[in-house]
Amino acid sequence: MNKSEFLEKYGIELKIARVRRKMSQEKLAELADCSSVHIGYIERGIKCPTIYQFLKIARILGIDLNEFFRDFTE
């Protein structure tokens, strides 16, 4: 898996988690202390968040990190 494939898959998984929680990009951005534009870039695979941003977003969305990254490492 190359970088662009990783970012695309990662972004899709984050969007799925957000939508399942019925949360808007704006609300997630507010809770994660970033812009909704930035969340949109992440979800579309255009930008890669810092590890700190990712951990913050994962916590907000209730993402189990072991489960989340299992698909990327198998």
N, C-alpha and C. Protein backbone atom coordinates (compact mmCIF):
# COMPACT_ATOMS: atom_id res chain seq x y z
N MET A 1 0.85 -1.17 0.00
CA MET A 1 0.00 0.00 0.00
C MET A 1 0.89 1.23 0.00
N ASN A 2 0.69 2.10 -0.99
CA ASN A 2 1.48 3.32 -1.03
C ASN A 2 0.81 4.41 -0.18
N LYS A 3 1.45 5.56 -0.10
CA LYS A 3 0.98 6.63 0.79
C LYS A 3 -0.41 7.12 0.41
N SER A 4 -0.65 7.35 -0.87
CA SER A 4 -1.96 7.87 -1.27
C SER A 4 -3.07 6.86 -1.01
N GLU A 5 -2.79 5.58 -1.20
CA GLU A 5 -3.77 4.53 -0.89
C GLU A 5 -4.06 4.50 0.61
N PHE A 6 -3.00 4.63 1.40
CA PHE A 6 -3.17 4.65 2.85
C PHE A 6 -4.04 5.83 3.28
N LEU A 7 -3.72 7.02 2.78
CA LEU A 7 -4.47 8.21 3.16
C LEU A 7 -5.93 8.11 2.74
N GLU A 8 -6.18 7.55 1.56
CA GLU A 8 -7.55 7.41 1.10
C GLU A 8 -8.33 6.43 1.99
N LYS A 9 -7.74 5.28 2.27
CA LYS A 9 -8.41 4.28 3.11
C LYS A 9 -8.61 4.81 4.53
N TYR A 10 -7.60 5.45 5.06
CA TYR A 10 -7.66 6.03 6.40
C TYR A 10 -8.77 7.07 6.48
N GLY A 11 -8.84 7.94 5.47
CA GLY A 11 -9.87 8.98 5.45
C GLY A 11 -11.27 8.40 5.38
N ILE A 12 -11.44 7.39 4.57
CA ILE A 12 -12.75 6.74 4.45
C ILE A 12 -13.16 6.13 5.79
N GLU A 13 -12.23 5.47 6.46
CA GLU A 13 -12.53 4.84 7.75
C GLU A 13 -12.92 5.89 8.80
N LEU A 14 -12.22 7.02 8.79
CA LEU A 14 -12.58 8.08 9.73
C LEU A 14 -13.98 8.64 9.42
N LYS A 15 -14.26 8.82 8.13
CA LYS A 15 -15.58 9.33 7.76
C LYS A 15 -16.69 8.36 8.18
N ILE A 16 -16.47 7.08 7.96
CA ILE A 16 -17.45 6.07 8.37
C ILE A 16 -17.70 6.16 9.87
N ALA A 17 -16.63 6.25 10.66
CA ALA A 17 -16.77 6.35 12.12
C ALA A 17 -17.54 7.61 12.51
N ARG A 18 -17.26 8.71 11.84
CA ARG A 18 -17.95 9.98 12.15
C ARG A 18 -19.43 9.90 11.80
N VAL A 19 -19.74 9.37 10.62
CA VAL A 19 -21.13 9.28 10.18
C VAL A 19 -21.92 8.33 11.07
N ARG A 20 -21.31 7.22 11.48
CA ARG A 20 -21.98 6.29 12.38
C ARG A 20 -22.38 6.95 13.69
N ARG A 21 -21.61 7.93 14.09
CA ARG A 21 -21.91 8.65 15.33
C ARG A 21 -22.80 9.87 15.09
N LYS A 22 -23.25 9.98 13.83
CA LYS A 22 -24.13 11.08 13.43
C LYS A 22 -23.55 12.44 13.81
N MET A 23 -22.26 12.58 13.52
CA MET A 23 -21.55 13.80 13.85
C MET A 23 -21.16 14.52 12.57
N SER A 24 -21.36 15.82 12.54
CA SER A 24 -20.96 16.60 11.37
C SER A 24 -19.46 16.85 11.39
N GLN A 25 -18.94 17.21 10.23
CA GLN A 25 -17.52 17.59 10.16
C GLN A 25 -17.28 18.81 11.04
N GLU A 26 -18.24 19.70 11.07
CA GLU A 26 -18.09 20.92 11.88
C GLU A 26 -17.99 20.59 13.37
N LYS A 27 -18.83 19.67 13.84
CA LYS A 27 -18.81 19.30 15.25
C LYS A 27 -17.50 18.58 15.59
N LEU A 28 -17.07 17.67 14.74
CA LEU A 28 -15.81 16.97 14.97
C LEU A 28 -14.66 17.97 15.00
N ALA A 29 -14.66 18.89 14.07
CA ALA A 29 -13.61 19.91 14.02
C ALA A 29 -13.58 20.74 15.29
N GLU A 30 -14.76 21.13 15.76
CA GLU A 30 -14.85 21.91 17.00
C GLU A 30 -14.26 21.13 18.18
N LEU A 31 -14.63 19.86 18.29
CA LEU A 31 -14.13 19.04 19.40
C LEU A 31 -12.63 18.74 19.27
N ALA A 32 -12.16 18.62 18.03
CA ALA A 32 -10.75 18.30 17.78
C ALA A 32 -9.87 19.54 17.68
N ASP A 33 -10.49 20.72 17.81
CA ASP A 33 -9.77 21.98 17.77
C ASP A 33 -9.01 22.17 16.45
N CYS A 34 -9.76 21.97 15.35
CA CYS A 34 -9.21 22.24 14.02
C CYS A 34 -10.37 22.74 13.16
N SER A 35 -10.13 22.94 11.89
CA SER A 35 -11.19 23.45 11.02
C SER A 35 -11.94 22.29 10.34
N SER A 36 -13.17 22.57 9.96
CA SER A 36 -13.95 21.55 9.25
C SER A 36 -13.34 21.30 7.86
N VAL A 37 -12.70 22.30 7.31
CA VAL A 37 -12.00 22.12 6.03
C VAL A 37 -10.89 21.08 6.19
N HIS A 38 -10.16 21.18 7.30
CA HIS A 38 -9.08 20.22 7.56
C HIS A 38 -9.64 18.81 7.72
N ILE A 39 -10.75 18.67 8.43
CA ILE A 39 -11.39 17.35 8.57
C ILE A 39 -11.78 16.82 7.20
N GLY A 40 -12.33 17.67 6.36
CA GLY A 40 -12.69 17.27 4.99
C GLY A 40 -11.49 16.80 4.20
N TYR A 41 -10.37 17.50 4.32
CA TYR A 41 -9.14 17.08 3.63
C TYR A 41 -8.68 15.71 4.13
N ILE A 42 -8.75 15.49 5.41
CA ILE A 42 -8.34 14.20 5.98
C ILE A 42 -9.25 13.10 5.45
N GLU A 43 -10.56 13.33 5.47
CA GLU A 43 -11.51 12.31 5.02
C GLU A 43 -11.36 12.01 3.54
N ARG A 44 -10.93 12.96 2.74
CA ARG A 44 -10.73 12.74 1.31
C ARG A 44 -9.33 12.23 0.97
N GLY A 45 -8.49 12.07 1.97
CA GLY A 45 -7.15 11.56 1.74
C GLY A 45 -6.19 12.58 1.18
N ILE A 46 -6.52 13.85 1.32
CA ILE A 46 -5.67 14.92 0.80
C ILE A 46 -4.60 15.31 1.82
N LYS A 47 -4.97 15.30 3.09
CA LYS A 47 -4.04 15.67 4.16
C LYS A 47 -3.90 14.51 5.14
N CYS A 48 -2.75 14.46 5.76
CA CYS A 48 -2.48 13.46 6.80
C CYS A 48 -2.35 14.20 8.13
N PRO A 49 -3.19 13.86 9.09
CA PRO A 49 -3.09 14.56 10.37
C PRO A 49 -1.84 14.15 11.12
N THR A 50 -1.43 14.99 12.03
CA THR A 50 -0.32 14.60 12.91
C THR A 50 -0.81 13.47 13.80
N ILE A 51 0.09 12.77 14.42
CA ILE A 51 -0.31 11.68 15.31
C ILE A 51 -1.15 12.23 16.46
N TYR A 52 -0.82 13.42 16.94
CA TYR A 52 -1.60 14.04 18.01
C TYR A 52 -3.03 14.30 17.55
N GLN A 53 -3.18 14.86 16.34
CA GLN A 53 -4.52 15.11 15.80
C GLN A 53 -5.29 13.80 15.63
N PHE A 54 -4.60 12.80 15.09
CA PHE A 54 -5.27 11.51 14.89
C PHE A 54 -5.74 10.93 16.22
N LEU A 55 -4.90 10.94 17.23
CA LEU A 55 -5.29 10.39 18.53
C LEU A 55 -6.48 11.16 19.12
N LYS A 56 -6.47 12.46 18.94
CA LYS A 56 -7.57 13.29 19.42
C LYS A 56 -8.87 12.93 18.70
N ILE A 57 -8.81 12.82 17.37
CA ILE A 57 -9.98 12.47 16.58
C ILE A 57 -10.46 11.06 16.94
N ALA A 58 -9.54 10.12 17.07
CA ALA A 58 -9.90 8.74 17.42
C ALA A 58 -10.61 8.70 18.78
N ARG A 59 -10.12 9.44 19.73
CA ARG A 59 -10.74 9.47 21.05
C ARG A 59 -12.16 10.03 20.96
N ILE A 60 -12.32 11.11 20.23
CA ILE A 60 -13.63 11.74 20.07
C ILE A 60 -14.62 10.78 19.42
N LEU A 61 -14.15 10.02 18.42
CA LEU A 61 -15.03 9.10 17.69
C LEU A 61 -15.14 7.73 18.34
N GLY A 62 -14.40 7.51 19.42
CA GLY A 62 -14.45 6.22 20.11
C GLY A 62 -13.84 5.09 19.30
N ILE A 63 -12.82 5.41 18.54
CA ILE A 63 -12.16 4.41 17.68
C ILE A 63 -11.18 3.60 18.51
N ASP A 64 -11.29 2.28 18.41
CA ASP A 64 -10.32 1.37 19.03
C ASP A 64 -9.11 1.31 18.10
N LEU A 65 -7.97 1.82 18.55
CA LEU A 65 -6.80 1.94 17.68
C LEU A 65 -6.28 0.60 17.19
N ASN A 66 -6.31 -0.41 18.04
CA ASN A 66 -5.86 -1.74 17.61
C ASN A 66 -6.72 -2.25 16.46
N GLU A 67 -8.01 -2.12 16.60
CA GLU A 67 -8.94 -2.56 15.56
C GLU A 67 -8.77 -1.72 14.29
N PHE A 68 -8.64 -0.42 14.46
CA PHE A 68 -8.52 0.49 13.33
C PHE A 68 -7.30 0.16 12.48
N PHE A 69 -6.16 -0.06 13.10
CA PHE A 69 -4.94 -0.29 12.34
C PHE A 69 -4.73 -1.74 11.93
N ARG A 70 -5.56 -2.64 12.42
CA ARG A 70 -5.43 -4.06 12.04
C ARG A 70 -5.54 -4.20 10.53
N ASP A 71 -6.50 -3.50 9.91
CA ASP A 71 -6.68 -3.60 8.46
C ASP A 71 -5.47 -3.08 7.70
N PHE A 72 -4.72 -2.19 8.28
CA PHE A 72 -3.57 -1.60 7.59
C PHE A 72 -2.32 -2.47 7.71
N THR A 73 -2.29 -3.35 8.69
CA THR A 73 -1.09 -4.13 8.93
C THR A 73 -1.20 -5.57 8.46
N GLU A 74 -2.39 -5.99 8.08
CA GLU A 74 -2.55 -7.38 7.61
C GLU A 74 -2.40 -7.47 6.13
